[in-house]
Amino acid sequence: MSNRTTSITSNDFERRILELLKENLMSTSQVAKQLKVRRDVITGYLEALKNQGKLNFFKVGRSHVYMTSGRRKND
């Protein structure tokens, strides 16, 4: 029997986040729920992608909202 485990690489995770945010404006919690990952894990990825210029960030009340950098808020 094989003892092989499936792992998701950082690149896979980043790609999934970018695909999700290309179509939707979402909060950190919404992204975490969609990807079934803890919010603290998603927060690190979102910050890294924001720092690379791949995401735009907005603070709406207490929520941190993200979208891909190629989109405008009104799209």
PDB file of N, CA and C in Angstrom:
ATOM      1  N   MET A   1       0.812  -1.176   0.000  1.00  0.00           N
ATOM      2  CA  MET A   1       0.000   0.000   0.000  1.00  0.00           C
ATOM      3  C   MET A   1       0.863   1.251   0.000  1.00  0.00           C
ATOM      4  N   SER A   2       0.446   2.230  -0.738  1.00  0.00           N
ATOM      5  CA  SER A   2       1.199   3.469  -0.845  1.00  0.00           C
ATOM      6  C   SER A   2       0.898   4.375   0.341  1.00  0.00           C
ATOM      7  N   ASN A   3       1.917   5.021   0.845  1.00  0.00           N
ATOM      8  CA  ASN A   3       1.762   5.959   1.949  1.00  0.00           C
ATOM      9  C   ASN A   3       1.904   7.391   1.426  1.00  0.00           C
ATOM     10  N   ARG A   4       1.372   7.616   0.252  1.00  0.00           N
ATOM     11  CA  ARG A   4       1.504   8.894  -0.443  1.00  0.00           C
ATOM     12  C   ARG A   4       0.467   9.892   0.064  1.00  0.00           C
ATOM     13  N   THR A   5       0.886  11.107   0.339  1.00  0.00           N
ATOM     14  CA  THR A   5      -0.040  12.148   0.773  1.00  0.00           C
ATOM     15  C   THR A   5      -0.114  13.224  -0.297  1.00  0.00           C
ATOM     16  N   THR A   6      -1.249  13.849  -0.363  1.00  0.00           N
ATOM     17  CA  THR A   6      -1.435  14.938  -1.307  1.00  0.00           C
ATOM     18  C   THR A   6      -1.093  16.236  -0.604  1.00  0.00           C
ATOM     19  N   SER A   7      -0.228  17.024  -1.218  1.00  0.00           N
ATOM     20  CA  SER A   7       0.108  18.306  -0.611  1.00  0.00           C
ATOM     21  C   SER A   7      -0.164  19.420  -1.608  1.00  0.00           C
ATOM     22  N   ILE A   8      -0.533  20.549  -1.057  1.00  0.00           N
ATOM     23  CA  ILE A   8      -0.784  21.730  -1.875  1.00  0.00           C
ATOM     24  C   ILE A   8       0.420  22.644  -1.706  1.00  0.00           C
ATOM     25  N   THR A   9       1.016  23.035  -2.807  1.00  0.00           N
ATOM     26  CA  THR A   9       2.174  23.916  -2.736  1.00  0.00           C
ATOM     27  C   THR A   9       1.727  25.366  -2.581  1.00  0.00           C
ATOM     28  N   SER A  10       2.656  26.214  -2.212  1.00  0.00           N
ATOM     29  CA  SER A  10       2.359  27.643  -2.086  1.00  0.00           C
ATOM     30  C   SER A  10       1.865  28.216  -3.403  1.00  0.00           C
ATOM     31  N   ASN A  11       2.474  27.780  -4.510  1.00  0.00           N
ATOM     32  CA  ASN A  11       2.054  28.278  -5.827  1.00  0.00           C
ATOM     33  C   ASN A  11       0.618  27.880  -6.134  1.00  0.00           C
ATOM     34  N   ASP A  12       0.222  26.650  -5.769  1.00  0.00           N
ATOM     35  CA  ASP A  12      -1.160  26.214  -5.975  1.00  0.00           C
ATOM     36  C   ASP A  12      -2.118  27.090  -5.176  1.00  0.00           C
ATOM     37  N   PHE A  13      -1.746  27.347  -3.939  1.00  0.00           N
ATOM     38  CA  PHE A  13      -2.577  28.159  -3.066  1.00  0.00           C
ATOM     39  C   PHE A  13      -2.719  29.571  -3.610  1.00  0.00           C
ATOM     40  N   GLU A  14      -1.620  30.161  -4.014  1.00  0.00           N
ATOM     41  CA  GLU A  14      -1.658  31.512  -4.575  1.00  0.00           C
ATOM     42  C   GLU A  14      -2.521  31.556  -5.826  1.00  0.00           C
ATOM     43  N   ARG A  15      -2.396  30.560  -6.677  1.00  0.00           N
ATOM     44  CA  ARG A  15      -3.189  30.493  -7.904  1.00  0.00           C
ATOM     45  C   ARG A  15      -4.676  30.407  -7.581  1.00  0.00           C
ATOM     46  N   ARG A  16      -5.032  29.587  -6.602  1.00  0.00           N
ATOM     47  CA  ARG A  16      -6.441  29.439  -6.217  1.00  0.00           C
ATOM     48  C   ARG A  16      -6.994  30.750  -5.656  1.00  0.00           C
ATOM     49  N   ILE A  17      -6.204  31.437  -4.854  1.00  0.00           N
ATOM     50  CA  ILE A  17      -6.632  32.717  -4.286  1.00  0.00           C
ATOM     51  C   ILE A  17      -6.836  33.742  -5.396  1.00  0.00           C
ATOM     52  N   LEU A  18      -5.883  33.835  -6.305  1.00  0.00           N
ATOM     53  CA  LEU A  18      -5.982  34.808  -7.398  1.00  0.00           C
ATOM     54  C   LEU A  18      -7.169  34.509  -8.309  1.00  0.00           C
ATOM     55  N   GLU A  19      -7.433  33.229  -8.587  1.00  0.00           N
ATOM     56  CA  GLU A  19      -8.596  32.866  -9.416  1.00  0.00           C
ATOM     57  C   GLU A  19      -9.890  33.272  -8.726  1.00  0.00           C
ATOM     58  N   LEU A  20      -9.959  33.028  -7.433  1.00  0.00           N
ATOM     59  CA  LEU A  20     -11.155  33.373  -6.663  1.00  0.00           C
ATOM     60  C   LEU A  20     -11.384  34.881  -6.643  1.00  0.00           C
ATOM     61  N   LEU A  21     -10.319  35.642  -6.434  1.00  0.00           N
ATOM     62  CA  LEU A  21     -10.450  37.098  -6.319  1.00  0.00           C
ATOM     63  C   LEU A  21     -10.523  37.795  -7.669  1.00  0.00           C
ATOM     64  N   LYS A  22     -10.221  37.086  -8.743  1.00  0.00           N
ATOM     65  CA  LYS A  22     -10.365  37.667 -10.079  1.00  0.00           C
ATOM     66  C   LYS A  22     -11.840  37.913 -10.381  1.00  0.00           C
ATOM     67  N   GLU A  23     -12.693  37.063  -9.853  1.00  0.00           N
ATOM     68  CA  GLU A  23     -14.132  37.154 -10.112  1.00  0.00           C
ATOM     69  C   GLU A  23     -14.906  37.838  -8.992  1.00  0.00           C
ATOM     70  N   ASN A  24     -14.319  37.897  -7.789  1.00  0.00           N
ATOM     71  CA  ASN A  24     -15.064  38.365  -6.619  1.00  0.00           C
ATOM     72  C   ASN A  24     -14.241  39.299  -5.760  1.00  0.00           C
ATOM     73  N   LEU A  25     -14.892  40.273  -5.178  1.00  0.00           N
ATOM     74  CA  LEU A  25     -14.326  41.114  -4.140  1.00  0.00           C
ATOM     75  C   LEU A  25     -14.667  40.400  -2.834  1.00  0.00           C
ATOM     76  N   MET A  26     -13.649  40.013  -2.044  1.00  0.00           N
ATOM     77  CA  MET A  26     -13.918  39.185  -0.876  1.00  0.00           C
ATOM     78  C   MET A  26     -13.096  39.596   0.332  1.00  0.00           C
ATOM     79  N   SER A  27     -13.661  39.338   1.510  1.00  0.00           N
ATOM     80  CA  SER A  27     -12.939  39.571   2.762  1.00  0.00           C
ATOM     81  C   SER A  27     -12.045  38.364   3.048  1.00  0.00           C
ATOM     82  N   THR A  28     -11.150  38.557   3.998  1.00  0.00           N
ATOM     83  CA  THR A  28     -10.262  37.481   4.415  1.00  0.00           C
ATOM     84  C   THR A  28     -11.072  36.259   4.844  1.00  0.00           C
ATOM     85  N   SER A  29     -12.100  36.469   5.639  1.00  0.00           N
ATOM     86  CA  SER A  29     -12.926  35.365   6.124  1.00  0.00           C
ATOM     87  C   SER A  29     -13.648  34.642   4.990  1.00  0.00           C
ATOM     88  N   GLN A  30     -14.129  35.394   4.016  1.00  0.00           N
ATOM     89  CA  GLN A  30     -14.809  34.786   2.879  1.00  0.00           C
ATOM     90  C   GLN A  30     -13.859  33.905   2.069  1.00  0.00           C
ATOM     91  N   VAL A  31     -12.635  34.395   1.853  1.00  0.00           N
ATOM     92  CA  VAL A  31     -11.641  33.610   1.112  1.00  0.00           C
ATOM     93  C   VAL A  31     -11.331  32.327   1.884  1.00  0.00           C
ATOM     94  N   ALA A  32     -11.134  32.451   3.184  1.00  0.00           N
ATOM     95  CA  ALA A  32     -10.828  31.285   4.019  1.00  0.00           C
ATOM     96  C   ALA A  32     -11.953  30.255   3.952  1.00  0.00           C
ATOM     97  N   LYS A  33     -13.182  30.718   4.022  1.00  0.00           N
ATOM     98  CA  LYS A  33     -14.329  29.810   3.977  1.00  0.00           C
ATOM     99  C   LYS A  33     -14.423  29.111   2.621  1.00  0.00           C
ATOM    100  N   GLN A  34     -14.232  29.866   1.540  1.00  0.00           N
ATOM    101  CA  GLN A  34     -14.294  29.288   0.190  1.00  0.00           C
ATOM    102  C   GLN A  34     -13.237  28.206  -0.017  1.00  0.00           C
ATOM    103  N   LEU A  35     -12.037  28.453   0.504  1.00  0.00           N
ATOM    104  CA  LEU A  35     -10.924  27.525   0.293  1.00  0.00           C
ATOM    105  C   LEU A  35     -10.799  26.493   1.408  1.00  0.00           C
ATOM    106  N   LYS A  36     -11.686  26.598   2.419  1.00  0.00           N
ATOM    107  CA  LYS A  36     -11.694  25.659   3.547  1.00  0.00           C
ATOM    108  C   LYS A  36     -10.341  25.596   4.250  1.00  0.00           C
ATOM    109  N   VAL A  37      -9.833  26.790   4.563  1.00  0.00           N
ATOM    110  CA  VAL A  37      -8.541  26.944   5.222  1.00  0.00           C
ATOM    111  C   VAL A  37      -8.719  27.947   6.370  1.00  0.00           C
ATOM    112  N   ARG A  38      -7.949  27.775   7.423  1.00  0.00           N
ATOM    113  CA  ARG A  38      -8.033  28.708   8.553  1.00  0.00           C
ATOM    114  C   ARG A  38      -7.724  30.137   8.102  1.00  0.00           C
ATOM    115  N   ARG A  39      -8.414  31.079   8.729  1.00  0.00           N
ATOM    116  CA  ARG A  39      -8.277  32.489   8.362  1.00  0.00           C
ATOM    117  C   ARG A  39      -6.851  32.996   8.569  1.00  0.00           C
ATOM    118  N   ASP A  40      -6.170  32.551   9.616  1.00  0.00           N
ATOM    119  CA  ASP A  40      -4.810  33.021   9.867  1.00  0.00           C
ATOM    120  C   ASP A  40      -3.839  32.566   8.776  1.00  0.00           C
ATOM    121  N   VAL A  41      -4.088  31.409   8.187  1.00  0.00           N
ATOM    122  CA  VAL A  41      -3.250  30.930   7.082  1.00  0.00           C
ATOM    123  C   VAL A  41      -3.486  31.793   5.847  1.00  0.00           C
ATOM    124  N   ILE A  42      -4.747  32.045   5.528  1.00  0.00           N
ATOM    125  CA  ILE A  42      -5.105  32.862   4.366  1.00  0.00           C
ATOM    126  C   ILE A  42      -4.565  34.278   4.511  1.00  0.00           C
ATOM    127  N   THR A  43      -4.602  34.819   5.720  1.00  0.00           N
ATOM    128  CA  THR A  43      -4.116  36.178   5.956  1.00  0.00           C
ATOM    129  C   THR A  43      -2.672  36.335   5.486  1.00  0.00           C
ATOM    130  N   GLY A  44      -1.827  35.366   5.775  1.00  0.00           N
ATOM    131  CA  GLY A  44      -0.428  35.422   5.350  1.00  0.00           C
ATOM    132  C   GLY A  44      -0.286  35.443   3.843  1.00  0.00           C
ATOM    133  N   TYR A  45      -1.045  34.594   3.168  1.00  0.00           N
ATOM    134  CA  TYR A  45      -1.001  34.555   1.703  1.00  0.00           C
ATOM    135  C   TYR A  45      -1.515  35.858   1.096  1.00  0.00           C
ATOM    136  N   LEU A  46      -2.618  36.376   1.635  1.00  0.00           N
ATOM    137  CA  LEU A  46      -3.182  37.620   1.107  1.00  0.00           C
ATOM    138  C   LEU A  46      -2.206  38.784   1.284  1.00  0.00           C
ATOM    139  N   GLU A  47      -1.562  38.854   2.433  1.00  0.00           N
ATOM    140  CA  GLU A  47      -0.574  39.916   2.670  1.00  0.00           C
ATOM    141  C   GLU A  47       0.598  39.797   1.704  1.00  0.00           C
ATOM    142  N   ALA A  48       1.078  38.574   1.501  1.00  0.00           N
ATOM    143  CA  ALA A  48       2.209  38.365   0.586  1.00  0.00           C
ATOM    144  C   ALA A  48       1.820  38.766  -0.840  1.00  0.00           C
ATOM    145  N   LEU A  49       0.635  38.369  -1.291  1.00  0.00           N
ATOM    146  CA  LEU A  49       0.185  38.717  -2.640  1.00  0.00           C
ATOM    147  C   LEU A  49      -0.028  40.225  -2.772  1.00  0.00           C
ATOM    148  N   LYS A  50      -0.514  40.859  -1.709  1.00  0.00           N
ATOM    149  CA  LYS A  50      -0.684  42.327  -1.711  1.00  0.00           C
ATOM    150  C   LYS A  50       0.684  42.999  -1.826  1.00  0.00           C
ATOM    151  N   ASN A  51       1.659  42.521  -1.072  1.00  0.00           N
ATOM    152  CA  ASN A  51       3.002  43.105  -1.094  1.00  0.00           C
ATOM    153  C   ASN A  51       3.699  42.901  -2.438  1.00  0.00           C
ATOM    154  N   GLN A  52       3.317  41.857  -3.178  1.00  0.00           N
ATOM    155  CA  GLN A  52       3.867  41.607  -4.514  1.00  0.00           C
ATOM    156  C   GLN A  52       3.150  42.424  -5.582  1.00  0.00           C
ATOM    157  N   GLY A  53       2.106  43.159  -5.187  1.00  0.00           N
ATOM    158  CA  GLY A  53       1.354  43.982  -6.132  1.00  0.00           C
ATOM    159  C   GLY A  53       0.307  43.215  -6.920  1.00  0.00           C
ATOM    160  N   LYS A  54      -0.001  41.993  -6.496  1.00  0.00           N
ATOM    161  CA  LYS A  54      -0.978  41.174  -7.217  1.00  0.00           C
ATOM    162  C   LYS A  54      -2.405  41.391  -6.728  1.00  0.00           C
ATOM    163  N   LEU A  55      -2.553  41.971  -5.526  1.00  0.00           N
ATOM    164  CA  LEU A  55      -3.878  42.223  -4.960  1.00  0.00           C
ATOM    165  C   LEU A  55      -3.997  43.663  -4.503  1.00  0.00           C
ATOM    166  N   ASN A  56      -5.211  44.184  -4.583  1.00  0.00           N
ATOM    167  CA  ASN A  56      -5.548  45.464  -3.977  1.00  0.00           C
ATOM    168  C   ASN A  56      -6.268  45.179  -2.671  1.00  0.00           C
ATOM    169  N   PHE A  57      -6.096  46.060  -1.696  1.00  0.00           N
ATOM    170  CA  PHE A  57      -6.635  45.881  -0.356  1.00  0.00           C
ATOM    171  C   PHE A  57      -7.450  47.096   0.030  1.00  0.00           C
ATOM    172  N   PHE A  58      -8.593  46.846   0.654  1.00  0.00           N
ATOM    173  CA  PHE A  58      -9.443  47.922   1.158  1.00  0.00           C
ATOM    174  C   PHE A  58      -9.908  47.544   2.553  1.00  0.00           C
ATOM    175  N   LYS A  59     -10.005  48.513   3.415  1.00  0.00           N
ATOM    176  CA  LYS A  59     -10.553  48.266   4.741  1.00  0.00           C
ATOM    177  C   LYS A  59     -11.992  48.772   4.722  1.00  0.00           C
ATOM    178  N   VAL A  60     -12.926  47.880   4.993  1.00  0.00           N
ATOM    179  CA  VAL A  60     -14.347  48.212   5.014  1.00  0.00           C
ATOM    180  C   VAL A  60     -14.854  47.881   6.417  1.00  0.00           C
ATOM    181  N   GLY A  61     -15.031  48.916   7.222  1.00  0.00           N
ATOM    182  CA  GLY A  61     -15.360  48.674   8.626  1.00  0.00           C
ATOM    183  C   GLY A  61     -14.203  47.939   9.272  1.00  0.00           C
ATOM    184  N   ARG A  62     -14.488  46.795   9.868  1.00  0.00           N
ATOM    185  CA  ARG A  62     -13.439  45.985  10.481  1.00  0.00           C
ATOM    186  C   ARG A  62     -12.898  44.927   9.529  1.00  0.00           C
ATOM    187  N   SER A  63     -13.486  44.806   8.353  1.00  0.00           N
ATOM    188  CA  SER A  63     -13.087  43.766   7.394  1.00  0.00           C
ATOM    189  C   SER A  63     -11.973  44.233   6.477  1.00  0.00           C
ATOM    190  N   HIS A  64     -11.109  43.313   6.134  1.00  0.00           N
ATOM    191  CA  HIS A  64     -10.090  43.550   5.116  1.00  0.00           C
ATOM    192  C   HIS A  64     -10.603  42.889   3.844  1.00  0.00           C
ATOM    193  N   VAL A  65     -10.774  43.672   2.792  1.00  0.00           N
ATOM    194  CA  VAL A  65     -11.351  43.192   1.541  1.00  0.00           C
ATOM    195  C   VAL A  65     -10.284  43.250   0.453  1.00  0.00           C
ATOM    196  N   TYR A  66     -10.223  42.207  -0.356  1.00  0.00           N
ATOM    197  CA  TYR A  66      -9.199  42.090  -1.392  1.00  0.00           C
ATOM    198  C   TYR A  66      -9.833  41.850  -2.758  1.00  0.00           C
ATOM    199  N   MET A  67      -9.088  42.250  -3.794  1.00  0.00           N
ATOM    200  CA  MET A  67      -9.423  41.921  -5.177  1.00  0.00           C
ATOM    201  C   MET A  67      -8.129  41.939  -5.969  1.00  0.00           C
ATOM    202  N   THR A  68      -8.147  41.321  -7.131  1.00  0.00           N
ATOM    203  CA  THR A  68      -6.920  41.302  -7.938  1.00  0.00           C
ATOM    204  C   THR A  68      -6.589  42.717  -8.379  1.00  0.00           C
ATOM    205  N   SER A  69      -5.312  42.987  -8.554  1.00  0.00           N
ATOM    206  CA  SER A  69      -4.874  44.351  -8.865  1.00  0.00           C
ATOM    207  C   SER A  69      -5.293  44.816 -10.241  1.00  0.00           C
ATOM    208  N   GLY A  70      -5.673  43.917 -11.129  1.00  0.00           N
ATOM    209  CA  GLY A  70      -6.113  44.309 -12.465  1.00  0.00           C
ATOM    210  C   GLY A  70      -7.542  44.813 -12.505  1.00  0.00           C
ATOM    211  N   ARG A  71      -8.287  44.624 -11.431  1.00  0.00           N
ATOM    212  CA  ARG A  71      -9.694  45.053 -11.378  1.00  0.00           C
ATOM    213  C   ARG A  71      -9.814  46.407 -10.722  1.00  0.00           C
ATOM    214  N   ARG A  72     -10.878  47.094 -11.072  1.00  0.00           N
ATOM    215  CA  ARG A  72     -11.242  48.337 -10.375  1.00  0.00           C
ATOM    216  C   ARG A  72     -12.383  48.026  -9.425  1.00  0.00           C
ATOM    217  N   LYS A  73     -12.533  48.827  -8.411  1.00  0.00           N
ATOM    218  CA  LYS A  73     -13.558  48.623  -7.397  1.00  0.00           C
ATOM    219  C   LYS A  73     -14.964  48.515  -7.998  1.00  0.00           C
ATOM    220  N   ASN A  74     -15.231  49.243  -9.060  1.00  0.00           N
ATOM    221  CA  ASN A  74     -16.577  49.284  -9.655  1.00  0.00           C
ATOM    222  C   ASN A  74     -16.799  48.241 -10.730  1.00  0.00           C
ATOM    223  N   ASP A  75     -15.803  47.397 -11.044  1.00  0.00           N
ATOM    224  CA  ASP A  75     -15.975  46.367 -12.081  1.00  0.00           C
ATOM    225  C   ASP A  75     -16.999  45.333 -11.652  1.00  0.00           C
TER     226      ASP A  75
END
